[in-house]
Amino acid sequence: MRKEDLIITIDGPAGSGKSTIANQLAQRLDGRRLDTGAMYRAFAFEAVSRDIEEHPRELIHLAASFTLSIDADGRLFVGEKDVTDAIRTPDISSWASKISVIPEVRSALVPIQRRLALPGPTVTEGRDQGTVVFPDAPVKFFLTASPEARARRRHEELTAKGTVIAFERVLADQIERDARDENRAVAPLKRAADAILVDTTEMTIAQVVDFLMEKITAVID
């Protein structure tokens, strides 16, 4: 397989390590990482900026003309506005999960994801990459971990960025988001039939990356 055509999908719930692992895999492959969760956060951020986050009709209208781009440094832009840092808050994450259940929003973002993924090699991570966006990807993974481990990782990440928030709230928000993502009617969070399941609860990042690289190498060699 040509590296330019290689797409590797990583799906899983929040806190399973998708972002960090996808980033390290992309570096190992001399490719790039596509953070699709950030795209939904960017849409939610724009919706909140326009004060339409609770108005489905306006959200659908916004989706029809929504534009996203990623520069050479991996920064995310909505139009000309750099939203890379602004979207990483619990509030925006929560709105992204709520808004992403709207079929028209998902339909608008899927072609953007497919366009930005090529040329590869690209490691794309989210919740429906292996099931909906790239169902024919040659290598698929589904990462998971215990709820407590995932909440702890998320809490540490937020604390490191200066966000003061109780662990109990992070865990509660995560449980609520998991239920919403798993039970939504459109593109629910689930493991693709041909995705390799990896439980990262007791694994270090390095161990997970090494394991995934072994699987990838077996396919592309």
C-alpha atoms as a PDB file:
ATOM      1  CA  MET A   1       0.000   0.000   0.000  1.00  0.00           C
ATOM      2  CA  ARG A   2       1.227   3.509  -0.840  1.00  0.00           C
ATOM      3  CA  LYS A   3       1.867   5.617   2.256  1.00  0.00           C
ATOM      4  CA  GLU A   4      -0.063   8.441   0.580  1.00  0.00           C
ATOM      5  CA  ASP A   5      -3.186   6.275   0.741  1.00  0.00           C
ATOM      6  CA  LEU A   6      -2.684   4.998   4.289  1.00  0.00           C
ATOM      7  CA  ILE A   7      -5.354   5.972   6.806  1.00  0.00           C
ATOM      8  CA  ILE A   8      -5.329   4.534  10.323  1.00  0.00           C
ATOM      9  CA  THR A   9      -8.415   5.053  12.475  1.00  0.00           C
ATOM     10  CA  ILE A  10      -8.475   5.234  16.266  1.00  0.00           C
ATOM     11  CA  ASP A  11     -11.874   5.367  17.924  1.00  0.00           C
ATOM     12  CA  GLY A  12     -12.812   5.288  21.574  1.00  0.00           C
ATOM     13  CA  PRO A  13     -14.292   7.272  24.458  1.00  0.00           C
ATOM     14  CA  ALA A  14     -12.798  10.383  26.010  1.00  0.00           C
ATOM     15  CA  GLY A  15      -9.710   9.753  28.114  1.00  0.00           C
ATOM     16  CA  SER A  16      -8.728   6.486  26.458  1.00  0.00           C
ATOM     17  CA  GLY A  17      -5.516   8.067  25.172  1.00  0.00           C
ATOM     18  CA  LYS A  18      -6.544   8.564  21.544  1.00  0.00           C
ATOM     19  CA  SER A  19      -5.062  12.026  21.037  1.00  0.00           C
ATOM     20  CA  THR A  20      -1.646  11.400  22.576  1.00  0.00           C
ATOM     21  CA  ILE A  21      -1.287   8.010  20.930  1.00  0.00           C
ATOM     22  CA  ALA A  22      -2.484   9.244  17.536  1.00  0.00           C
ATOM     23  CA  ASN A  23       0.035  12.071  17.690  1.00  0.00           C
ATOM     24  CA  GLN A  24       2.941   9.732  18.494  1.00  0.00           C
ATOM     25  CA  LEU A  25       1.887   7.238  15.819  1.00  0.00           C
ATOM     26  CA  ALA A  26       1.752  10.021  13.236  1.00  0.00           C
ATOM     27  CA  GLN A  27       5.293  11.059  14.194  1.00  0.00           C
ATOM     28  CA  ARG A  28       6.547   7.495  13.905  1.00  0.00           C
ATOM     29  CA  LEU A  29       4.969   7.165  10.469  1.00  0.00           C
ATOM     30  CA  ASP A  30       6.230  10.577   9.359  1.00  0.00           C
ATOM     31  CA  GLY A  31       2.620  11.453   8.722  1.00  0.00           C
ATOM     32  CA  ARG A  32      -0.011  13.542  10.439  1.00  0.00           C
ATOM     33  CA  ARG A  33      -2.774  13.290  12.975  1.00  0.00           C
ATOM     34  CA  LEU A  34      -6.361  14.283  12.292  1.00  0.00           C
ATOM     35  CA  ASP A  35      -8.213  15.147  15.503  1.00  0.00           C
ATOM     36  CA  THR A  36     -11.871  14.942  14.490  1.00  0.00           C
ATOM     37  CA  GLY A  37     -13.059  15.605  18.020  1.00  0.00           C
ATOM     38  CA  ALA A  38     -11.412  19.005  17.731  1.00  0.00           C
ATOM     39  CA  MET A  39     -13.466  19.655  14.610  1.00  0.00           C
ATOM     40  CA  TYR A  40     -16.701  19.151  16.531  1.00  0.00           C
ATOM     41  CA  ARG A  41     -15.363  21.351  19.316  1.00  0.00           C
ATOM     42  CA  ALA A  42     -14.526  24.008  16.727  1.00  0.00           C
ATOM     43  CA  PHE A  43     -18.078  23.863  15.419  1.00  0.00           C
ATOM     44  CA  ALA A  44     -19.418  24.081  18.973  1.00  0.00           C
ATOM     45  CA  PHE A  45     -17.112  27.006  19.733  1.00  0.00           C
ATOM     46  CA  GLU A  46     -18.400  28.868  16.680  1.00  0.00           C
ATOM     47  CA  ALA A  47     -21.976  28.091  17.689  1.00  0.00           C
ATOM     48  CA  VAL A  48     -21.397  29.377  21.227  1.00  0.00           C
ATOM     49  CA  SER A  49     -19.688  32.483  19.810  1.00  0.00           C
ATOM     50  CA  ARG A  50     -22.829  33.168  17.798  1.00  0.00           C
ATOM     51  CA  ASP A  51     -25.100  32.302  20.747  1.00  0.00           C
ATOM     52  CA  ILE A  52     -26.938  29.631  18.739  1.00  0.00           C
ATOM     53  CA  GLU A  53     -25.792  26.497  20.586  1.00  0.00           C
ATOM     54  CA  GLU A  54     -29.333  25.758  21.783  1.00  0.00           C
ATOM     55  CA  HIS A  55     -31.060  26.445  18.458  1.00  0.00           C
ATOM     56  CA  PRO A  56     -31.062  23.431  16.111  1.00  0.00           C
ATOM     57  CA  ARG A  57     -32.301  25.339  13.071  1.00  0.00           C
ATOM     58  CA  GLU A  58     -29.476  27.880  13.301  1.00  0.00           C
ATOM     59  CA  LEU A  59     -26.952  25.093  13.920  1.00  0.00           C
ATOM     60  CA  ILE A  60     -28.050  23.311  10.750  1.00  0.00           C
ATOM     61  CA  HIS A  61     -27.746  26.566   8.813  1.00  0.00           C
ATOM     62  CA  LEU A  62     -24.227  27.101  10.199  1.00  0.00           C
ATOM     63  CA  ALA A  63     -23.238  23.536   9.286  1.00  0.00           C
ATOM     64  CA  ALA A  64     -24.149  24.113   5.642  1.00  0.00           C
ATOM     65  CA  SER A  65     -21.507  26.823   5.259  1.00  0.00           C
ATOM     66  CA  PHE A  66     -18.992  25.757   7.908  1.00  0.00           C
ATOM     67  CA  THR A  67     -15.317  25.806   6.865  1.00  0.00           C
ATOM     68  CA  LEU A  68     -12.347  24.276   8.632  1.00  0.00           C
ATOM     69  CA  SER A  69      -8.661  24.182   7.808  1.00  0.00           C
ATOM     70  CA  ILE A  70      -5.438  22.993   9.440  1.00  0.00           C
ATOM     71  CA  ASP A  71      -2.133  24.764   8.905  1.00  0.00           C
ATOM     72  CA  ALA A  72       1.332  23.218   8.652  1.00  0.00           C
ATOM     73  CA  ASP A  73       1.764  23.438  12.429  1.00  0.00           C
ATOM     74  CA  GLY A  74      -1.465  21.546  13.063  1.00  0.00           C
ATOM     75  CA  ARG A  75      -3.440  24.564  14.234  1.00  0.00           C
ATOM     76  CA  LEU A  76      -7.163  24.579  13.559  1.00  0.00           C
ATOM     77  CA  PHE A  77      -8.944  27.471  11.881  1.00  0.00           C
ATOM     78  CA  VAL A  78     -12.604  28.339  11.430  1.00  0.00           C
ATOM     79  CA  GLY A  79     -12.413  30.666   8.478  1.00  0.00           C
ATOM     80  CA  GLU A  80      -9.503  32.951   9.387  1.00  0.00           C
ATOM     81  CA  LYS A  81      -9.900  32.474  13.151  1.00  0.00           C
ATOM     82  CA  ASP A  82      -7.414  30.283  15.041  1.00  0.00           C
ATOM     83  CA  VAL A  83      -9.492  28.311  17.557  1.00  0.00           C
ATOM     84  CA  THR A  84      -6.888  25.693  18.513  1.00  0.00           C
ATOM     85  CA  ASP A  85      -6.582  26.712  22.160  1.00  0.00           C
ATOM     86  CA  ALA A  86     -10.033  28.183  22.735  1.00  0.00           C
ATOM     87  CA  ILE A  87     -11.855  24.901  22.108  1.00  0.00           C
ATOM     88  CA  ARG A  88     -10.100  22.979  24.917  1.00  0.00           C
ATOM     89  CA  THR A  89     -12.492  23.746  27.759  1.00  0.00           C
ATOM     90  CA  PRO A  90     -14.999  21.483  29.548  1.00  0.00           C
ATOM     91  CA  ASP A  91     -17.864  23.741  28.461  1.00  0.00           C
ATOM     92  CA  ILE A  92     -16.993  23.526  24.764  1.00  0.00           C
ATOM     93  CA  SER A  93     -16.393  19.769  25.024  1.00  0.00           C
ATOM     94  CA  SER A  94     -19.827  19.344  26.552  1.00  0.00           C
ATOM     95  CA  TRP A  95     -21.506  21.416  23.852  1.00  0.00           C
ATOM     96  CA  ALA A  96     -19.617  19.533  21.153  1.00  0.00           C
ATOM     97  CA  SER A  97     -21.011  16.250  22.426  1.00  0.00           C
ATOM     98  CA  LYS A  98     -24.552  17.642  22.536  1.00  0.00           C
ATOM     99  CA  ILE A  99     -24.413  19.308  19.127  1.00  0.00           C
ATOM    100  CA  SER A 100     -22.763  16.362  17.390  1.00  0.00           C
ATOM    101  CA  VAL A 101     -25.959  14.310  17.684  1.00  0.00           C
ATOM    102  CA  ILE A 102     -27.565  16.524  15.012  1.00  0.00           C
ATOM    103  CA  PRO A 103     -27.445  14.532  11.733  1.00  0.00           C
ATOM    104  CA  GLU A 104     -26.962  17.599   9.544  1.00  0.00           C
ATOM    105  CA  VAL A 105     -23.927  18.683  11.568  1.00  0.00           C
ATOM    106  CA  ARG A 106     -22.283  15.285  11.259  1.00  0.00           C
ATOM    107  CA  SER A 107     -23.106  15.115   7.551  1.00  0.00           C
ATOM    108  CA  ALA A 108     -21.420  18.473   7.008  1.00  0.00           C
ATOM    109  CA  LEU A 109     -18.231  17.530   8.871  1.00  0.00           C
ATOM    110  CA  VAL A 110     -17.672  14.050   7.391  1.00  0.00           C
ATOM    111  CA  PRO A 111     -16.593  15.273   3.919  1.00  0.00           C
ATOM    112  CA  ILE A 112     -14.311  17.851   5.576  1.00  0.00           C
ATOM    113  CA  GLN A 113     -12.645  15.051   7.548  1.00  0.00           C
ATOM    114  CA  ARG A 114     -12.191  12.944   4.423  1.00  0.00           C
ATOM    115  CA  ARG A 115     -10.701  15.864   2.519  1.00  0.00           C
ATOM    116  CA  LEU A 116      -8.236  16.774   5.259  1.00  0.00           C
ATOM    117  CA  ALA A 117      -7.103  13.151   5.741  1.00  0.00           C
ATOM    118  CA  LEU A 118      -5.412  12.865   2.353  1.00  0.00           C
ATOM    119  CA  PRO A 119      -2.693  12.559   1.357  1.00  0.00           C
ATOM    120  CA  GLY A 120      -1.495  10.205   4.078  1.00  0.00           C
ATOM    121  CA  PRO A 121      -0.176   8.577   6.014  1.00  0.00           C
ATOM    122  CA  THR A 122      -2.783   9.918   8.407  1.00  0.00           C
ATOM    123  CA  VAL A 123      -3.811   8.762  11.863  1.00  0.00           C
ATOM    124  CA  THR A 124      -7.374   9.935  12.385  1.00  0.00           C
ATOM    125  CA  GLU A 125      -9.037   9.737  15.765  1.00  0.00           C
ATOM    126  CA  GLY A 126     -12.538  10.248  17.041  1.00  0.00           C
ATOM    127  CA  ARG A 127     -15.653   8.216  17.721  1.00  0.00           C
ATOM    128  CA  ASP A 128     -16.899   7.085  14.319  1.00  0.00           C
ATOM    129  CA  GLN A 129     -13.781   7.042  12.179  1.00  0.00           C
ATOM    130  CA  GLY A 130     -13.666   3.299  11.575  1.00  0.00           C
ATOM    131  CA  THR A 131     -17.427   2.863  11.336  1.00  0.00           C
ATOM    132  CA  VAL A 132     -18.640   5.868   9.330  1.00  0.00           C
ATOM    133  CA  VAL A 133     -15.968   8.236   8.061  1.00  0.00           C
ATOM    134  CA  PHE A 134     -13.342   5.731   6.886  1.00  0.00           C
ATOM    135  CA  PRO A 135     -15.053   2.319   6.841  1.00  0.00           C
ATOM    136  CA  ASP A 136     -12.478   0.974   4.354  1.00  0.00           C
ATOM    137  CA  ALA A 137      -9.389   2.014   6.326  1.00  0.00           C
ATOM    138  CA  PRO A 138      -6.846  -0.843   6.285  1.00  0.00           C
ATOM    139  CA  VAL A 139      -5.968  -0.520   9.989  1.00  0.00           C
ATOM    140  CA  LYS A 140      -8.487   0.294  12.713  1.00  0.00           C
ATOM    141  CA  PHE A 141      -8.168   0.465  16.471  1.00  0.00           C
ATOM    142  CA  PHE A 142     -10.663   0.952  19.290  1.00  0.00           C
ATOM    143  CA  LEU A 143      -9.088   2.239  22.495  1.00  0.00           C
ATOM    144  CA  THR A 144     -10.773   2.038  25.853  1.00  0.00           C
ATOM    145  CA  ALA A 145      -9.954   2.183  29.585  1.00  0.00           C
ATOM    146  CA  SER A 146     -11.825   2.076  32.868  1.00  0.00           C
ATOM    147  CA  PRO A 147     -14.022   5.128  33.591  1.00  0.00           C
ATOM    148  CA  GLU A 148     -11.880   6.076  36.595  1.00  0.00           C
ATOM    149  CA  ALA A 149      -8.622   5.884  34.627  1.00  0.00           C
ATOM    150  CA  ARG A 150     -10.055   7.975  31.809  1.00  0.00           C
ATOM    151  CA  ALA A 151     -11.430  10.609  34.179  1.00  0.00           C
ATOM    152  CA  ARG A 152      -8.111  10.779  36.027  1.00  0.00           C
ATOM    153  CA  ARG A 153      -6.221  11.395  32.781  1.00  0.00           C
ATOM    154  CA  ARG A 154      -8.658  14.103  31.743  1.00  0.00           C
ATOM    155  CA  HIS A 155      -8.485  15.744  35.172  1.00  0.00           C
ATOM    156  CA  GLU A 156      -4.677  15.782  35.067  1.00  0.00           C
ATOM    157  CA  GLU A 157      -4.742  17.286  31.577  1.00  0.00           C
ATOM    158  CA  LEU A 158      -7.100  20.082  32.625  1.00  0.00           C
ATOM    159  CA  THR A 159      -5.158  20.764  35.825  1.00  0.00           C
ATOM    160  CA  ALA A 160      -1.911  21.033  33.856  1.00  0.00           C
ATOM    161  CA  LYS A 161      -3.551  23.685  31.694  1.00  0.00           C
ATOM    162  CA  GLY A 162      -4.635  25.686  34.742  1.00  0.00           C
ATOM    163  CA  THR A 163      -8.295  24.663  34.750  1.00  0.00           C
ATOM    164  CA  VAL A 164      -9.600  24.225  38.288  1.00  0.00           C
ATOM    165  CA  ILE A 165     -12.223  21.495  38.334  1.00  0.00           C
ATOM    166  CA  ALA A 166     -13.133  18.700  40.751  1.00  0.00           C
ATOM    167  CA  PHE A 167     -12.308  15.136  39.736  1.00  0.00           C
ATOM    168  CA  GLU A 168     -15.881  14.137  40.597  1.00  0.00           C
ATOM    169  CA  ARG A 169     -17.252  16.596  38.051  1.00  0.00           C
ATOM    170  CA  VAL A 170     -14.860  15.327  35.372  1.00  0.00           C
ATOM    171  CA  LEU A 171     -15.983  11.759  36.043  1.00  0.00           C
ATOM    172  CA  ALA A 172     -19.687  12.701  36.038  1.00  0.00           C
ATOM    173  CA  ASP A 173     -19.342  14.727  32.825  1.00  0.00           C
ATOM    174  CA  GLN A 174     -17.504  11.853  31.195  1.00  0.00           C
ATOM    175  CA  ILE A 175     -20.142   9.272  32.154  1.00  0.00           C
ATOM    176  CA  GLU A 176     -22.853  11.562  30.783  1.00  0.00           C
ATOM    177  CA  ARG A 177     -20.933  12.122  27.562  1.00  0.00           C
ATOM    178  CA  ASP A 178     -20.200   8.405  27.114  1.00  0.00           C
ATOM    179  CA  ALA A 179     -23.907   7.596  27.429  1.00  0.00           C
ATOM    180  CA  ARG A 180     -24.837  10.307  24.945  1.00  0.00           C
ATOM    181  CA  ASP A 181     -22.186   9.228  22.425  1.00  0.00           C
ATOM    182  CA  GLU A 182     -23.019   5.539  22.704  1.00  0.00           C
ATOM    183  CA  ASN A 183     -26.788   5.975  22.432  1.00  0.00           C
ATOM    184  CA  ARG A 184     -27.157   8.671  19.793  1.00  0.00           C
ATOM    185  CA  ALA A 185     -29.088   7.650  16.702  1.00  0.00           C
ATOM    186  CA  VAL A 186     -26.492   8.926  14.225  1.00  0.00           C
ATOM    187  CA  ALA A 187     -22.921   7.507  14.169  1.00  0.00           C
ATOM    188  CA  PRO A 188     -22.889   6.245  17.769  1.00  0.00           C
ATOM    189  CA  LEU A 189     -19.634   5.448  19.514  1.00  0.00           C
ATOM    190  CA  LYS A 190     -18.954   1.780  18.876  1.00  0.00           C
ATOM    191  CA  ARG A 191     -16.174  -0.521  17.834  1.00  0.00           C
ATOM    192  CA  ALA A 192     -15.969  -1.363  14.131  1.00  0.00           C
ATOM    193  CA  ALA A 193     -16.227  -5.085  13.509  1.00  0.00           C
ATOM    194  CA  ASP A 194     -12.672  -5.174  12.136  1.00  0.00           C
ATOM    195  CA  ALA A 195     -11.121  -2.817  14.697  1.00  0.00           C
ATOM    196  CA  ILE A 196      -8.482  -4.096  17.117  1.00  0.00           C
ATOM    197  CA  LEU A 197      -9.615  -3.570  20.715  1.00  0.00           C
ATOM    198  CA  VAL A 198      -6.952  -2.148  23.061  1.00  0.00           C
ATOM    199  CA  ASP A 199      -7.611  -1.601  26.779  1.00  0.00           C
ATOM    200  CA  THR A 200      -5.133   1.068  27.901  1.00  0.00           C
ATOM    201  CA  THR A 201      -6.045   1.063  31.613  1.00  0.00           C
ATOM    202  CA  GLU A 202      -2.827  -0.629  32.760  1.00  0.00           C
ATOM    203  CA  MET A 203      -0.640   0.335  29.788  1.00  0.00           C
ATOM    204  CA  THR A 204       1.787   3.206  29.399  1.00  0.00           C
ATOM    205  CA  ILE A 205       1.600   5.436  26.341  1.00  0.00           C
ATOM    206  CA  ALA A 206       4.833   3.924  25.029  1.00  0.00           C
ATOM    207  CA  GLN A 207       3.459   0.392  25.392  1.00  0.00           C
ATOM    208  CA  VAL A 208       0.296   1.265  23.503  1.00  0.00           C
ATOM    209  CA  VAL A 209       2.186   3.006  20.702  1.00  0.00           C
ATOM    210  CA  ASP A 210       4.583   0.077  20.302  1.00  0.00           C
ATOM    211  CA  PHE A 211       1.686  -2.387  20.175  1.00  0.00           C
ATOM    212  CA  LEU A 212      -0.188  -0.355  17.559  1.00  0.00           C
ATOM    213  CA  MET A 213       2.938   0.107  15.464  1.00  0.00           C
ATOM    214  CA  GLU A 214       3.428  -3.669  15.342  1.00  0.00           C
ATOM    215  CA  LYS A 215      -0.080  -4.070  13.937  1.00  0.00           C
ATOM    216  CA  ILE A 216       0.380  -1.231  11.428  1.00  0.00           C
ATOM    217  CA  THR A 217       3.730  -2.507  10.214  1.00  0.00           C
ATOM    218  CA  ALA A 218       2.261  -5.939   9.579  1.00  0.00           C
ATOM    219  CA  VAL A 219      -0.237  -4.374   7.190  1.00  0.00           C
ATOM    220  CA  ILE A 220       1.898  -1.877   5.294  1.00  0.00           C
ATOM    221  CA  ASP A 221       5.068  -3.969   4.898  1.00  0.00           C
END
